[in-house]
Amino acid sequence: MTGRLDGRVAVVTGASRGLGRAAAELLATEGCAVGVLDLKAHWAQGAADAIIAAGGRALALGEVDPPRGTRLLADRQLRRPRPAG
């Protein structure tokens, strides 16, 4: 799948159902690689598998323990080295 978000990465919490699932699928349809999180790791894996089966790129990142887990994920992403430019 290619689109407006080619080369971008998004992390979606609550991505196994409802609005989170719809957002993850839409992002993937637009070319975004999607990191999938939910309360249960197997729920996240199911959503990632569905995105991949539809031709998108996704990775189940496991379970999130709100709000602690989302803070840890954000902190980790902010500390990650970024390419120059």
N, C-alpha and C. Protein backbone atom coordinates (compact mmCIF):
# COMPACT_ATOMS: atom_id res chain seq x y z
N MET A 1 0.84 -1.18 0.00
CA MET A 1 0.00 0.00 0.00
C MET A 1 0.88 1.24 0.00
N THR A 2 0.50 2.18 -0.81
CA THR A 2 1.25 3.43 -0.85
C THR A 2 0.29 4.59 -0.76
N GLY A 3 0.79 5.70 -0.29
CA GLY A 3 -0.08 6.85 -0.15
C GLY A 3 0.63 8.04 0.43
N ARG A 4 -0.14 8.92 1.01
CA ARG A 4 0.38 10.18 1.53
C ARG A 4 1.36 10.01 2.68
N LEU A 5 1.34 8.87 3.34
CA LEU A 5 2.18 8.67 4.53
C LEU A 5 3.33 7.69 4.31
N ASP A 6 3.72 7.48 3.06
CA ASP A 6 4.85 6.59 2.77
C ASP A 6 6.07 7.02 3.57
N GLY A 7 6.73 6.05 4.18
CA GLY A 7 7.94 6.33 4.94
C GLY A 7 7.69 6.80 6.35
N ARG A 8 6.47 6.97 6.73
CA ARG A 8 6.14 7.42 8.08
C ARG A 8 5.84 6.23 8.97
N VAL A 9 5.95 6.45 10.27
CA VAL A 9 5.65 5.41 11.26
C VAL A 9 4.68 6.00 12.28
N ALA A 10 3.67 5.22 12.63
CA ALA A 10 2.71 5.64 13.65
C ALA A 10 2.57 4.53 14.68
N VAL A 11 2.32 4.92 15.91
CA VAL A 11 2.01 3.96 16.97
C VAL A 11 0.58 4.24 17.40
N VAL A 12 -0.25 3.21 17.36
CA VAL A 12 -1.66 3.36 17.69
C VAL A 12 -1.97 2.48 18.90
N THR A 13 -2.46 3.11 19.96
CA THR A 13 -2.90 2.35 21.12
C THR A 13 -4.39 2.03 20.96
N GLY A 14 -4.82 0.94 21.53
CA GLY A 14 -6.21 0.53 21.39
C GLY A 14 -6.53 0.13 19.97
N ALA A 15 -5.54 -0.43 19.28
CA ALA A 15 -5.65 -0.66 17.84
C ALA A 15 -6.33 -1.97 17.45
N SER A 16 -6.82 -2.73 18.41
CA SER A 16 -7.42 -4.01 18.03
C SER A 16 -8.90 -3.91 17.70
N ARG A 17 -9.54 -2.78 18.04
CA ARG A 17 -10.97 -2.67 17.75
C ARG A 17 -11.40 -1.20 17.76
N GLY A 18 -12.59 -0.97 17.28
CA GLY A 18 -13.19 0.36 17.33
C GLY A 18 -12.40 1.42 16.57
N LEU A 19 -12.37 2.62 17.16
CA LEU A 19 -11.69 3.74 16.51
C LEU A 19 -10.20 3.50 16.35
N GLY A 20 -9.58 2.85 17.33
CA GLY A 20 -8.15 2.55 17.23
C GLY A 20 -7.86 1.65 16.05
N ARG A 21 -8.68 0.64 15.85
CA ARG A 21 -8.51 -0.28 14.72
C ARG A 21 -8.70 0.46 13.40
N ALA A 22 -9.74 1.29 13.34
CA ALA A 22 -10.01 2.06 12.12
C ALA A 22 -8.85 3.00 11.81
N ALA A 23 -8.30 3.64 12.84
CA ALA A 23 -7.17 4.54 12.64
C ALA A 23 -5.94 3.78 12.14
N ALA A 24 -5.65 2.65 12.76
CA ALA A 24 -4.49 1.85 12.36
C ALA A 24 -4.62 1.38 10.91
N GLU A 25 -5.82 0.92 10.54
CA GLU A 25 -6.04 0.45 9.17
C GLU A 25 -5.94 1.60 8.17
N LEU A 26 -6.48 2.76 8.50
CA LEU A 26 -6.41 3.91 7.60
C LEU A 26 -4.97 4.37 7.42
N LEU A 27 -4.23 4.45 8.52
CA LEU A 27 -2.82 4.83 8.43
C LEU A 27 -2.05 3.86 7.53
N ALA A 28 -2.29 2.58 7.69
CA ALA A 28 -1.62 1.57 6.87
C ALA A 28 -2.01 1.71 5.40
N THR A 29 -3.27 1.98 5.15
CA THR A 29 -3.75 2.16 3.77
C THR A 29 -3.04 3.33 3.10
N GLU A 30 -2.69 4.34 3.88
CA GLU A 30 -2.00 5.51 3.34
C GLU A 30 -0.49 5.32 3.29
N GLY A 31 0.00 4.11 3.59
CA GLY A 31 1.43 3.82 3.45
C GLY A 31 2.24 3.88 4.71
N CYS A 32 1.62 4.18 5.82
CA CYS A 32 2.32 4.29 7.10
C CYS A 32 2.61 2.90 7.67
N ALA A 33 3.78 2.73 8.25
CA ALA A 33 4.06 1.51 9.02
C ALA A 33 3.46 1.74 10.41
N VAL A 34 2.68 0.78 10.89
CA VAL A 34 1.92 0.98 12.11
C VAL A 34 2.41 0.06 13.22
N GLY A 35 2.75 0.67 14.36
CA GLY A 35 3.04 -0.08 15.58
C GLY A 35 1.73 -0.22 16.34
N VAL A 36 1.34 -1.45 16.63
CA VAL A 36 0.03 -1.74 17.20
C VAL A 36 0.17 -2.11 18.68
N LEU A 37 -0.57 -1.40 19.51
CA LEU A 37 -0.59 -1.68 20.95
C LEU A 37 -2.02 -1.87 21.40
N ASP A 38 -2.21 -2.72 22.39
CA ASP A 38 -3.53 -2.86 23.01
C ASP A 38 -3.34 -3.42 24.41
N LEU A 39 -4.44 -3.59 25.13
CA LEU A 39 -4.37 -4.08 26.50
C LEU A 39 -3.85 -5.51 26.59
N LYS A 40 -4.05 -6.29 25.56
CA LYS A 40 -3.57 -7.68 25.51
C LYS A 40 -2.70 -7.85 24.27
N ALA A 41 -1.56 -8.48 24.45
CA ALA A 41 -0.62 -8.66 23.33
C ALA A 41 -1.25 -9.43 22.18
N HIS A 42 -2.06 -10.44 22.47
CA HIS A 42 -2.65 -11.21 21.38
C HIS A 42 -3.70 -10.41 20.61
N TRP A 43 -4.33 -9.42 21.25
CA TRP A 43 -5.23 -8.53 20.52
C TRP A 43 -4.43 -7.68 19.54
N ALA A 44 -3.30 -7.16 20.01
CA ALA A 44 -2.43 -6.34 19.15
C ALA A 44 -1.93 -7.17 17.97
N GLN A 45 -1.55 -8.42 18.24
CA GLN A 45 -1.05 -9.28 17.17
C GLN A 45 -2.12 -9.55 16.12
N GLY A 46 -3.35 -9.76 16.56
CA GLY A 46 -4.45 -9.99 15.63
C GLY A 46 -4.68 -8.80 14.71
N ALA A 47 -4.61 -7.60 15.27
CA ALA A 47 -4.79 -6.39 14.46
C ALA A 47 -3.63 -6.22 13.48
N ALA A 48 -2.40 -6.45 13.95
CA ALA A 48 -1.24 -6.34 13.06
C ALA A 48 -1.33 -7.37 11.94
N ASP A 49 -1.73 -8.59 12.26
CA ASP A 49 -1.88 -9.63 11.24
C ASP A 49 -2.89 -9.23 10.18
N ALA A 50 -4.00 -8.63 10.60
CA ALA A 50 -5.04 -8.20 9.65
C ALA A 50 -4.53 -7.10 8.73
N ILE A 51 -3.76 -6.17 9.28
CA ILE A 51 -3.19 -5.09 8.46
C ILE A 51 -2.22 -5.66 7.44
N ILE A 52 -1.39 -6.59 7.88
CA ILE A 52 -0.42 -7.23 6.98
C ILE A 52 -1.14 -8.02 5.90
N ALA A 53 -2.19 -8.75 6.27
CA ALA A 53 -2.95 -9.53 5.30
C ALA A 53 -3.58 -8.65 4.23
N ALA A 54 -3.90 -7.40 4.59
CA ALA A 54 -4.49 -6.47 3.64
C ALA A 54 -3.43 -5.73 2.82
N GLY A 55 -2.15 -6.08 3.04
CA GLY A 55 -1.07 -5.47 2.26
C GLY A 55 -0.34 -4.34 2.94
N GLY A 56 -0.68 -4.05 4.19
CA GLY A 56 -0.02 -2.97 4.92
C GLY A 56 1.19 -3.47 5.70
N ARG A 57 1.86 -2.53 6.36
CA ARG A 57 3.00 -2.86 7.21
C ARG A 57 2.62 -2.57 8.65
N ALA A 58 2.77 -3.58 9.51
CA ALA A 58 2.41 -3.42 10.91
C ALA A 58 3.26 -4.33 11.78
N LEU A 59 3.41 -3.93 13.01
CA LEU A 59 4.15 -4.71 13.99
C LEU A 59 3.41 -4.62 15.31
N ALA A 60 3.08 -5.76 15.88
CA ALA A 60 2.45 -5.79 17.20
C ALA A 60 3.53 -5.48 18.23
N LEU A 61 3.35 -4.39 18.94
CA LEU A 61 4.33 -3.97 19.95
C LEU A 61 3.99 -4.52 21.33
N GLY A 62 2.87 -5.20 21.45
CA GLY A 62 2.52 -5.83 22.71
C GLY A 62 1.45 -5.09 23.45
N GLU A 63 1.42 -5.30 24.76
CA GLU A 63 0.38 -4.69 25.58
C GLU A 63 0.83 -3.35 26.11
N VAL A 64 -0.13 -2.53 26.37
CA VAL A 64 0.13 -1.23 26.96
C VAL A 64 -0.62 -1.17 28.29
N ASP A 65 0.02 -0.61 29.27
CA ASP A 65 -0.58 -0.46 30.60
C ASP A 65 -0.82 1.02 30.84
N PRO A 66 -2.00 1.51 30.44
CA PRO A 66 -2.23 2.94 30.56
C PRO A 66 -2.26 3.37 32.02
N PRO A 67 -1.81 4.57 32.35
CA PRO A 67 -1.08 5.49 31.48
C PRO A 67 0.43 5.26 31.50
N ARG A 68 0.90 4.41 32.41
CA ARG A 68 2.34 4.17 32.55
C ARG A 68 2.97 3.70 31.24
N GLY A 69 2.36 2.76 30.57
CA GLY A 69 2.92 2.19 29.35
C GLY A 69 3.04 3.20 28.23
N THR A 70 2.06 4.07 28.08
CA THR A 70 2.15 5.06 27.01
C THR A 70 3.23 6.09 27.31
N ARG A 71 3.41 6.44 28.57
CA ARG A 71 4.49 7.37 28.92
C ARG A 71 5.84 6.74 28.62
N LEU A 72 6.02 5.46 28.98
CA LEU A 72 7.29 4.78 28.70
C LEU A 72 7.56 4.70 27.21
N LEU A 73 6.54 4.41 26.43
CA LEU A 73 6.70 4.33 24.98
C LEU A 73 7.09 5.69 24.42
N ALA A 74 6.42 6.75 24.85
CA ALA A 74 6.73 8.09 24.37
C ALA A 74 8.15 8.48 24.76
N ASP A 75 8.54 8.21 26.00
CA ASP A 75 9.91 8.52 26.43
C ASP A 75 10.94 7.80 25.59
N ARG A 76 10.70 6.54 25.30
CA ARG A 76 11.62 5.74 24.49
C ARG A 76 11.75 6.33 23.08
N GLN A 77 10.64 6.73 22.49
CA GLN A 77 10.66 7.28 21.14
C GLN A 77 11.36 8.64 21.11
N LEU A 78 11.16 9.45 22.14
CA LEU A 78 11.79 10.77 22.16
C LEU A 78 13.31 10.68 22.34
N ARG A 79 13.79 9.64 22.97
CA ARG A 79 15.23 9.47 23.18
C ARG A 79 15.93 8.78 22.01
N ARG A 80 15.16 8.24 21.08
CA ARG A 80 15.72 7.52 19.95
C ARG A 80 16.47 8.47 19.03
N PRO A 81 17.68 8.08 18.57
CA PRO A 81 18.41 8.95 17.65
C PRO A 81 17.64 9.17 16.36
N ARG A 82 17.68 10.36 15.86
CA ARG A 82 17.00 10.71 14.61
C ARG A 82 18.04 10.95 13.52
N PRO A 83 17.70 10.63 12.28
CA PRO A 83 18.64 10.91 11.19
C PRO A 83 18.86 12.40 11.02
N ALA A 84 20.03 12.77 10.61
CA ALA A 84 20.35 14.17 10.37
C ALA A 84 19.60 14.67 9.14
N GLY A 85 19.28 15.93 9.13
CA GLY A 85 18.66 16.51 7.94
C GLY A 85 17.35 16.95 8.20
